[in-house]
Amino acid sequence: MSEDVVMRLAVESLITIAKLSGPILVTTLVVGFSVSIFQALTQINEATLSFIPKIIVVGILIALIGPWMLQNLINFTNHLFESIPELVRLSQ
């Protein structure tokens, strides 16, 4: 297998990972920042206050975009399995 093929697969994998994890990470960042601002304004210094909203929002987000995430992962996996004959041919 040549270096170009390995780099192409690595780039496709990283793009898929970013596409799948991006919405959850950005949403968690926004919720965490909002809770931190709320805690700073009200001077409530409770450690568990930041976890509960994040868990709730991430659960709702996964329920909403979970099928889209699964479809992207299935498409990537199918593409990977379909390219196996090409990869074997290139390695010989």
N, C-alpha and C. Protein backbone atom coordinates (compact mmCIF):
# COMPACT_ATOMS: atom_id res chain seq x y z
N MET A 1 0.85 -1.16 0.00
CA MET A 1 0.00 0.00 0.00
C MET A 1 0.91 1.23 0.00
N SER A 2 0.64 2.16 -0.88
CA SER A 2 1.51 3.33 -1.00
C SER A 2 1.17 4.36 0.07
N GLU A 3 2.05 5.31 0.21
CA GLU A 3 1.85 6.36 1.22
C GLU A 3 0.66 7.24 0.87
N ASP A 4 0.42 7.45 -0.42
CA ASP A 4 -0.72 8.27 -0.83
C ASP A 4 -2.05 7.66 -0.41
N VAL A 5 -2.15 6.36 -0.55
CA VAL A 5 -3.39 5.68 -0.18
C VAL A 5 -3.60 5.74 1.33
N VAL A 6 -2.53 5.54 2.08
CA VAL A 6 -2.62 5.60 3.54
C VAL A 6 -3.00 7.00 3.99
N MET A 7 -2.41 8.01 3.37
CA MET A 7 -2.74 9.39 3.74
C MET A 7 -4.18 9.74 3.37
N ARG A 8 -4.65 9.23 2.23
CA ARG A 8 -6.03 9.50 1.82
C ARG A 8 -7.01 8.87 2.82
N LEU A 9 -6.72 7.64 3.23
CA LEU A 9 -7.57 6.97 4.22
C LEU A 9 -7.54 7.68 5.56
N ALA A 10 -6.35 8.15 5.95
CA ALA A 10 -6.23 8.87 7.22
C ALA A 10 -7.01 10.17 7.19
N VAL A 11 -6.92 10.90 6.08
CA VAL A 11 -7.65 12.16 5.96
C VAL A 11 -9.15 11.92 5.97
N GLU A 12 -9.61 10.92 5.23
CA GLU A 12 -11.04 10.59 5.22
C GLU A 12 -11.52 10.20 6.61
N SER A 13 -10.70 9.46 7.34
CA SER A 13 -11.07 9.05 8.70
C SER A 13 -11.16 10.25 9.62
N LEU A 14 -10.20 11.16 9.53
CA LEU A 14 -10.22 12.34 10.39
C LEU A 14 -11.39 13.26 10.07
N ILE A 15 -11.72 13.38 8.80
CA ILE A 15 -12.87 14.21 8.42
C ILE A 15 -14.15 13.60 8.96
N THR A 16 -14.28 12.29 8.87
CA THR A 16 -15.47 11.61 9.40
C THR A 16 -15.57 11.78 10.91
N ILE A 17 -14.44 11.64 11.59
CA ILE A 17 -14.44 11.82 13.04
C ILE A 17 -14.85 13.24 13.42
N ALA A 18 -14.32 14.22 12.70
CA ALA A 18 -14.66 15.62 12.99
C ALA A 18 -16.14 15.89 12.71
N LYS A 19 -16.66 15.31 11.62
CA LYS A 19 -18.07 15.50 11.29
C LYS A 19 -18.98 14.89 12.35
N LEU A 20 -18.59 13.74 12.88
CA LEU A 20 -19.44 13.06 13.84
C LEU A 20 -19.34 13.65 15.25
N SER A 21 -18.15 14.05 15.65
CA SER A 21 -17.98 14.55 17.01
C SER A 21 -18.17 16.05 17.13
N GLY A 22 -18.07 16.77 16.02
CA GLY A 22 -18.15 18.23 16.05
C GLY A 22 -19.42 18.79 16.68
N PRO A 23 -20.60 18.36 16.22
CA PRO A 23 -21.82 18.93 16.80
C PRO A 23 -21.95 18.70 18.31
N ILE A 24 -21.56 17.54 18.77
CA ILE A 24 -21.65 17.25 20.21
C ILE A 24 -20.65 18.10 20.99
N LEU A 25 -19.43 18.20 20.48
CA LEU A 25 -18.42 18.98 21.18
C LEU A 25 -18.77 20.47 21.23
N VAL A 26 -19.26 21.01 20.12
CA VAL A 26 -19.63 22.44 20.09
C VAL A 26 -20.80 22.71 21.01
N THR A 27 -21.79 21.83 20.99
CA THR A 27 -22.95 22.01 21.87
C THR A 27 -22.55 21.92 23.33
N THR A 28 -21.70 20.97 23.67
CA THR A 28 -21.22 20.84 25.05
C THR A 28 -20.42 22.07 25.46
N LEU A 29 -19.63 22.59 24.55
CA LEU A 29 -18.86 23.81 24.84
C LEU A 29 -19.78 24.99 25.13
N VAL A 30 -20.82 25.15 24.32
CA VAL A 30 -21.75 26.27 24.50
C VAL A 30 -22.51 26.12 25.82
N VAL A 31 -22.98 24.92 26.12
CA VAL A 31 -23.73 24.70 27.36
C VAL A 31 -22.80 24.90 28.56
N GLY A 32 -21.60 24.37 28.51
CA GLY A 32 -20.66 24.55 29.61
C GLY A 32 -20.30 26.00 29.84
N PHE A 33 -20.12 26.74 28.75
CA PHE A 33 -19.80 28.17 28.87
C PHE A 33 -20.98 28.93 29.47
N SER A 34 -22.19 28.59 29.03
CA SER A 34 -23.39 29.26 29.56
C SER A 34 -23.56 28.98 31.05
N VAL A 35 -23.35 27.75 31.46
CA VAL A 35 -23.47 27.40 32.88
C VAL A 35 -22.38 28.11 33.69
N SER A 36 -21.19 28.21 33.14
CA SER A 36 -20.10 28.91 33.84
C SER A 36 -20.42 30.39 34.02
N ILE A 37 -20.98 31.01 32.99
CA ILE A 37 -21.39 32.42 33.10
C ILE A 37 -22.48 32.55 34.16
N PHE A 38 -23.45 31.64 34.15
CA PHE A 38 -24.52 31.66 35.14
C PHE A 38 -23.95 31.51 36.55
N GLN A 39 -23.01 30.59 36.73
CA GLN A 39 -22.40 30.39 38.05
C GLN A 39 -21.61 31.62 38.48
N ALA A 40 -20.94 32.26 37.55
CA ALA A 40 -20.16 33.45 37.90
C ALA A 40 -21.09 34.60 38.29
N LEU A 41 -22.19 34.75 37.58
CA LEU A 41 -23.12 35.84 37.88
C LEU A 41 -23.85 35.63 39.19
N THR A 42 -24.23 34.41 39.49
CA THR A 42 -25.00 34.14 40.71
C THR A 42 -24.11 33.72 41.88
N GLN A 43 -22.83 33.53 41.65
CA GLN A 43 -21.86 33.10 42.65
C GLN A 43 -22.24 31.76 43.27
N ILE A 44 -22.89 30.92 42.48
CA ILE A 44 -23.17 29.55 42.91
C ILE A 44 -21.96 28.72 42.49
N ASN A 45 -21.33 28.09 43.44
CA ASN A 45 -20.12 27.34 43.14
C ASN A 45 -20.36 25.85 43.38
N GLU A 46 -21.28 25.30 42.64
CA GLU A 46 -21.62 23.89 42.76
C GLU A 46 -21.02 23.13 41.58
N ALA A 47 -20.23 22.11 41.87
CA ALA A 47 -19.52 21.39 40.81
C ALA A 47 -20.47 20.56 39.95
N THR A 48 -21.51 20.01 40.55
CA THR A 48 -22.42 19.15 39.78
C THR A 48 -23.34 19.95 38.88
N LEU A 49 -23.45 21.25 39.11
CA LEU A 49 -24.34 22.07 38.30
C LEU A 49 -23.91 22.12 36.84
N SER A 50 -22.63 21.97 36.57
CA SER A 50 -22.17 22.03 35.18
C SER A 50 -22.37 20.70 34.46
N PHE A 51 -22.44 19.59 35.17
CA PHE A 51 -22.55 18.29 34.52
C PHE A 51 -23.97 17.96 34.08
N ILE A 52 -24.94 18.26 34.91
CA ILE A 52 -26.31 17.85 34.63
C ILE A 52 -26.85 18.48 33.35
N PRO A 53 -26.70 19.80 33.13
CA PRO A 53 -27.18 20.35 31.84
C PRO A 53 -26.46 19.76 30.63
N LYS A 54 -25.16 19.51 30.77
CA LYS A 54 -24.42 18.93 29.65
C LYS A 54 -24.93 17.53 29.32
N ILE A 55 -25.17 16.72 30.35
CA ILE A 55 -25.65 15.36 30.14
C ILE A 55 -27.02 15.38 29.47
N ILE A 56 -27.89 16.27 29.92
CA ILE A 56 -29.23 16.36 29.35
C ILE A 56 -29.17 16.80 27.90
N VAL A 57 -28.39 17.84 27.62
CA VAL A 57 -28.31 18.37 26.26
C VAL A 57 -27.65 17.37 25.32
N VAL A 58 -26.61 16.70 25.76
CA VAL A 58 -25.95 15.70 24.91
C VAL A 58 -26.90 14.54 24.64
N GLY A 59 -27.65 14.11 25.63
CA GLY A 59 -28.63 13.04 25.41
C GLY A 59 -29.69 13.43 24.39
N ILE A 60 -30.20 14.65 24.50
CA ILE A 60 -31.19 15.13 23.53
C ILE A 60 -30.57 15.24 22.14
N LEU A 61 -29.34 15.75 22.08
CA LEU A 61 -28.67 15.91 20.79
C LEU A 61 -28.40 14.57 20.12
N ILE A 62 -27.98 13.60 20.90
CA ILE A 62 -27.74 12.27 20.32
C ILE A 62 -29.06 11.65 19.84
N ALA A 63 -30.14 11.89 20.58
CA ALA A 63 -31.44 11.38 20.14
C ALA A 63 -31.88 12.05 18.84
N LEU A 64 -31.54 13.33 18.67
CA LEU A 64 -31.95 14.05 17.47
C LEU A 64 -31.07 13.77 16.27
N ILE A 65 -29.75 13.79 16.45
CA ILE A 65 -28.85 13.63 15.30
C ILE A 65 -28.19 12.26 15.25
N GLY A 66 -28.59 11.36 16.14
CA GLY A 66 -28.03 10.02 16.14
C GLY A 66 -28.20 9.28 14.82
N PRO A 67 -29.40 9.32 14.21
CA PRO A 67 -29.55 8.65 12.92
C PRO A 67 -28.63 9.22 11.84
N TRP A 68 -28.45 10.53 11.83
CA TRP A 68 -27.54 11.16 10.86
C TRP A 68 -26.11 10.70 11.11
N MET A 69 -25.71 10.65 12.37
CA MET A 69 -24.36 10.20 12.70
C MET A 69 -24.16 8.75 12.29
N LEU A 70 -25.15 7.91 12.57
CA LEU A 70 -25.06 6.50 12.21
C LEU A 70 -24.99 6.32 10.69
N GLN A 71 -25.77 7.10 9.96
CA GLN A 71 -25.76 7.00 8.50
C GLN A 71 -24.39 7.41 7.94
N ASN A 72 -23.79 8.46 8.49
CA ASN A 72 -22.45 8.87 8.06
C ASN A 72 -21.42 7.78 8.34
N LEU A 73 -21.53 7.17 9.49
CA LEU A 73 -20.59 6.10 9.85
C LEU A 73 -20.78 4.87 8.97
N ILE A 74 -22.01 4.55 8.66
CA ILE A 74 -22.28 3.42 7.76
C ILE A 74 -21.75 3.70 6.37
N ASN A 75 -21.96 4.93 5.87
CA ASN A 75 -21.45 5.30 4.55
C ASN A 75 -19.93 5.20 4.50
N PHE A 76 -19.26 5.69 5.53
CA PHE A 76 -17.80 5.62 5.57
C PHE A 76 -17.33 4.17 5.61
N THR A 77 -17.98 3.34 6.41
CA THR A 77 -17.59 1.94 6.52
C THR A 77 -17.82 1.20 5.20
N ASN A 78 -18.96 1.45 4.57
CA ASN A 78 -19.22 0.83 3.27
C ASN A 78 -18.18 1.26 2.23
N HIS A 79 -17.85 2.54 2.22
CA HIS A 79 -16.83 3.04 1.30
C HIS A 79 -15.49 2.35 1.57
N LEU A 80 -15.17 2.16 2.84
CA LEU A 80 -13.91 1.51 3.21
C LEU A 80 -13.89 0.05 2.75
N PHE A 81 -15.00 -0.67 2.97
CA PHE A 81 -15.07 -2.07 2.55
C PHE A 81 -15.06 -2.20 1.02
N GLU A 82 -15.72 -1.27 0.34
CA GLU A 82 -15.75 -1.31 -1.12
C GLU A 82 -14.39 -1.01 -1.73
N SER A 83 -13.54 -0.28 -1.02
CA SER A 83 -12.23 0.08 -1.56
C SER A 83 -11.16 -0.97 -1.24
N ILE A 84 -11.51 -2.04 -0.54
CA ILE A 84 -10.52 -3.07 -0.21
C ILE A 84 -9.91 -3.71 -1.46
N PRO A 85 -10.69 -4.08 -2.48
CA PRO A 85 -10.04 -4.65 -3.67
C PRO A 85 -9.05 -3.69 -4.33
N GLU A 86 -9.39 -2.43 -4.37
CA GLU A 86 -8.47 -1.43 -4.93
C GLU A 86 -7.20 -1.33 -4.08
N LEU A 87 -7.36 -1.36 -2.78
CA LEU A 87 -6.19 -1.26 -1.90
C LEU A 87 -5.30 -2.49 -2.04
N VAL A 88 -5.89 -3.65 -2.21
CA VAL A 88 -5.09 -4.87 -2.39
C VAL A 88 -4.36 -4.84 -3.72
N ARG A 89 -5.04 -4.35 -4.76
CA ARG A 89 -4.41 -4.23 -6.07
C ARG A 89 -3.24 -3.27 -6.04
N LEU A 90 -3.40 -2.16 -5.31
CA LEU A 90 -2.33 -1.17 -5.23
C LEU A 90 -1.13 -1.66 -4.42
N SER A 91 -1.35 -2.57 -3.50
CA SER A 91 -0.25 -3.03 -2.66
C SER A 91 0.63 -4.07 -3.35
N GLN A 92 0.15 -4.63 -4.47
CA GLN A 92 0.94 -5.66 -5.14
C GLN A 92 1.85 -5.09 -6.19
